[in-house]
Protein backbone atom coordinates (compact mmCIF):
# COMPACT_ATOMS: atom_id res chain seq x y z
CA UNK A 1 -1.21 1.23 -50.27
CA UNK A 2 2.09 1.38 -51.58
CA UNK A 3 5.16 2.99 -49.47
CA UNK A 4 6.66 4.79 -52.83
CA UNK A 5 4.30 7.38 -54.33
CA UNK A 6 7.03 8.84 -56.92
CA UNK A 7 5.97 12.45 -56.16
CA UNK A 8 9.48 13.29 -54.86
CA UNK A 9 11.33 11.94 -57.57
CA UNK A 10 12.08 15.56 -58.89
CA UNK A 11 13.43 16.69 -55.64
CA UNK A 12 10.16 18.11 -54.27
CA UNK A 13 7.87 16.96 -51.30
CA UNK A 14 4.77 18.03 -49.69
CA UNK A 15 4.74 19.63 -46.43
CA UNK A 16 1.73 18.87 -43.74
CA UNK A 17 -1.18 21.06 -45.65
CA UNK A 18 -0.19 20.07 -49.09
CA UNK A 19 2.39 22.75 -49.88
CA UNK A 20 5.07 21.45 -52.16
CA UNK A 21 8.79 22.40 -51.66
CA UNK A 22 12.22 21.65 -52.67
CA UNK A 23 13.73 18.65 -50.46
CA UNK A 24 16.60 21.05 -49.91
CA UNK A 25 14.36 23.64 -48.19
CA UNK A 26 15.04 24.71 -44.79
CA UNK A 27 11.84 23.22 -43.46
CA UNK A 28 12.59 19.88 -45.04
CA UNK A 29 16.21 19.94 -43.55
CA UNK A 30 14.75 20.80 -40.00
CA UNK A 31 12.39 17.83 -39.95
CA UNK A 32 14.69 15.42 -41.61
CA UNK A 33 17.22 16.42 -38.61
CA UNK A 34 14.55 15.67 -36.21
CA UNK A 35 14.09 12.15 -37.71
CA UNK A 36 17.76 11.47 -37.54
CA UNK A 37 17.82 12.30 -34.17
CA UNK A 38 14.83 10.01 -33.14
CA UNK A 39 16.39 7.24 -35.01
CA UNK A 40 19.78 7.60 -32.97
CA UNK A 41 17.67 7.64 -29.67
CA UNK A 42 16.28 4.38 -31.00
CA UNK A 43 19.58 3.01 -31.37
CA UNK A 44 20.81 4.27 -27.89
CA UNK A 45 17.65 2.40 -26.55
CA UNK A 46 18.75 -0.83 -27.98
CA UNK A 47 21.91 -0.64 -25.52
CA UNK A 48 19.97 0.23 -22.47
CA UNK A 49 18.52 -1.84 -19.89
CA UNK A 50 17.15 0.51 -17.17
CA UNK A 51 13.36 0.31 -17.32
CA UNK A 52 12.68 3.99 -16.41
CA UNK A 53 15.34 5.53 -18.56
CA UNK A 54 13.84 3.62 -21.45
CA UNK A 55 10.07 4.90 -20.66
CA UNK A 56 11.72 8.22 -20.75
CA UNK A 57 13.31 7.74 -24.06
CA UNK A 58 10.06 6.34 -25.51
CA UNK A 59 8.25 9.45 -24.48
CA UNK A 60 10.81 11.44 -26.06
CA UNK A 61 10.51 9.64 -29.18
CA UNK A 62 6.81 10.09 -29.06
CA UNK A 63 7.26 13.88 -28.67
CA UNK A 64 10.04 13.89 -31.41
CA UNK A 65 7.15 12.84 -33.84
CA UNK A 66 5.28 15.89 -32.32
CA UNK A 67 7.84 18.22 -33.09
CA UNK A 68 8.59 16.87 -36.19
CA UNK A 69 5.21 16.91 -37.37
CA UNK A 70 4.82 20.87 -36.39
CA UNK A 71 8.35 21.47 -37.95
CA UNK A 72 6.45 20.05 -41.33
CA UNK A 73 3.46 22.04 -41.11
CA UNK A 74 3.75 26.01 -42.37
CA UNK A 75 2.64 28.32 -39.69
CA UNK A 76 -0.08 29.41 -42.21
CA UNK A 77 -1.44 25.80 -42.16
CA UNK A 78 -1.52 25.21 -38.49
CA UNK A 79 -5.36 25.99 -38.31
CA UNK A 80 -7.70 24.36 -40.50
CA UNK A 81 -10.48 26.31 -42.26
CA UNK A 82 -13.15 25.43 -39.62
CA UNK A 83 -10.73 26.98 -36.76
CA UNK A 84 -9.41 23.76 -35.52
CA UNK A 85 -5.69 22.84 -35.20
CA UNK A 86 -4.44 20.59 -37.93
CA UNK A 87 -2.54 18.98 -35.57
CA UNK A 88 -3.91 16.79 -32.63
CA UNK A 89 -1.34 17.45 -30.38
CA UNK A 90 1.59 20.05 -30.03
CA UNK A 91 4.92 20.56 -27.55
CA UNK A 92 4.29 22.76 -24.78
CA UNK A 93 5.89 23.99 -21.62
CA UNK A 94 4.75 20.78 -19.93
CA UNK A 95 7.24 18.65 -21.74
CA UNK A 96 10.10 21.02 -21.54
CA UNK A 97 9.48 20.87 -17.65
CA UNK A 98 9.32 17.03 -17.72
CA UNK A 99 12.94 17.14 -19.45
CA UNK A 100 14.02 19.32 -16.51
CA UNK A 101 12.69 17.03 -13.82
CA UNK A 102 14.19 13.93 -15.26
CA UNK A 103 17.58 15.76 -15.71
CA UNK A 104 17.63 16.98 -12.02
CA UNK A 105 16.86 13.56 -10.93
CA UNK A 106 19.54 12.28 -12.77
CA UNK A 107 21.96 15.11 -12.00
CA UNK A 108 21.58 14.40 -8.11
CA UNK A 109 23.05 10.81 -8.74
CA UNK A 110 26.16 12.13 -10.55
CA UNK A 111 29.38 13.81 -9.40
CA UNK A 112 29.60 17.63 -10.28
CA UNK A 113 31.07 18.46 -13.36
CA UNK A 114 34.62 20.12 -12.83
CA UNK A 115 35.80 19.66 -16.72
CA UNK A 116 34.63 19.08 -19.91
CA UNK A 117 34.11 15.19 -20.71
CA UNK A 118 34.99 13.51 -23.76
CA UNK A 119 31.90 12.14 -25.61
CA UNK A 120 32.81 8.31 -25.18
CA UNK A 121 31.90 5.58 -22.56
CA UNK A 122 30.28 2.13 -23.39
CA UNK A 123 27.84 2.09 -26.49
CA UNK A 124 24.73 3.52 -24.80
CA UNK A 125 26.45 6.30 -23.58
CA UNK A 126 28.43 6.94 -26.91
CA UNK A 127 25.21 6.84 -28.81
CA UNK A 128 23.57 9.12 -26.44
CA UNK A 129 26.51 11.61 -26.98
CA UNK A 130 25.74 11.41 -30.74
CA UNK A 131 22.35 11.72 -30.45
CA UNK A 132 22.98 15.19 -28.33
CA UNK A 133 25.21 16.46 -31.29
CA UNK A 134 22.25 15.51 -33.75
CA UNK A 135 19.77 17.31 -31.40
CA UNK A 136 22.03 20.53 -31.41
CA UNK A 137 21.95 20.02 -35.47
CA UNK A 138 18.14 19.97 -35.30
CA UNK A 139 17.86 22.94 -33.09
CA UNK A 140 20.01 24.90 -35.29
CA UNK A 141 18.30 23.74 -38.30
CA UNK A 142 14.94 25.19 -36.73
CA UNK A 143 16.69 28.20 -35.52
CA UNK A 144 17.66 28.83 -39.29
CA UNK A 145 14.17 28.04 -40.47
CA UNK A 146 12.74 30.51 -37.88
CA UNK A 147 14.74 33.53 -39.76
CA UNK A 148 13.00 33.10 -42.81
CA UNK A 149 9.59 31.44 -41.56
CA UNK A 150 7.92 31.75 -38.07
CA UNK A 151 8.32 28.59 -35.78
CA UNK A 152 6.79 28.25 -32.37
CA UNK A 153 9.51 29.18 -29.83
CA UNK A 154 8.61 25.92 -27.78
CA UNK A 155 9.69 23.87 -30.48
CA UNK A 156 13.34 25.58 -30.36
CA UNK A 157 13.49 25.41 -26.59
CA UNK A 158 12.44 21.81 -26.39
CA UNK A 159 15.31 20.57 -28.42
CA UNK A 160 17.65 22.80 -26.44
CA UNK A 161 16.53 21.29 -23.34
CA UNK A 162 16.45 17.83 -24.81
CA UNK A 163 20.25 18.23 -25.51
CA UNK A 164 20.95 18.96 -22.15
CA UNK A 165 18.94 16.00 -21.07
CA UNK A 166 20.78 13.74 -23.64
CA UNK A 167 24.11 15.26 -22.07
CA UNK A 168 23.04 14.12 -18.56
CA UNK A 169 21.48 11.03 -19.54
CA UNK A 170 24.84 9.75 -21.03
CA UNK A 171 26.69 10.53 -17.77
CA UNK A 172 24.27 8.68 -15.90
CA UNK A 173 24.05 5.63 -17.86
CA UNK A 174 27.80 5.57 -17.79
CA UNK A 175 27.61 5.61 -13.97
CA UNK A 176 24.86 2.81 -14.29
CA UNK A 177 27.38 0.72 -16.37
CA UNK A 178 30.10 1.67 -14.29
CA UNK A 179 31.91 3.28 -17.21
CA UNK A 180 34.40 6.15 -15.84
CA UNK A 181 34.27 9.56 -17.66
CA UNK A 182 37.43 10.87 -19.52
CA UNK A 183 37.78 14.58 -18.90
CA UNK A 184 39.20 17.11 -21.33
CA UNK A 185 41.36 19.01 -19.09
CA UNK A 186 43.55 21.56 -20.91
CA UNK A 187 46.39 21.47 -17.98
CA UNK A 188 47.11 17.69 -18.63
CA UNK A 189 47.93 17.98 -22.16
């Protein structure tokens, strides 16, 4: 099977379930942002050595494929004619709670935040901060899609929680690597 199909040469693509839409549609934009986020997490992983963090990020990348597959599926195509789900798995409260548990564990090891921090640090922290901003964009694009087409609320909630997780993880990785945080303190201009 060849990787190129030529079916998108005129600016259209097929969603999961077969519906053809413009590549500029809100749905395609949303799962494209999710794909970009997943790639940036992969870049972040290439600069991290902590095995537990790598395990979590691998699980998150898997979950992002799950989020992306649902974002690529119109709600009316989620169920097959035989009544079974088109998608083998979907994001649930379980994955959201998992992110919260991981965040809480990292947060216990960090100094409380008193100011905003600048999105910097070493390579791993910097890429995690960039992933966090891409995650926020992916979340905004799903919210925008939800204004015209239904999106399960768990998808938006997952991305919202994931951006928080990426922020806490960037701080934690900076601590692991002995990289000081730089604060944005408006009183020290």
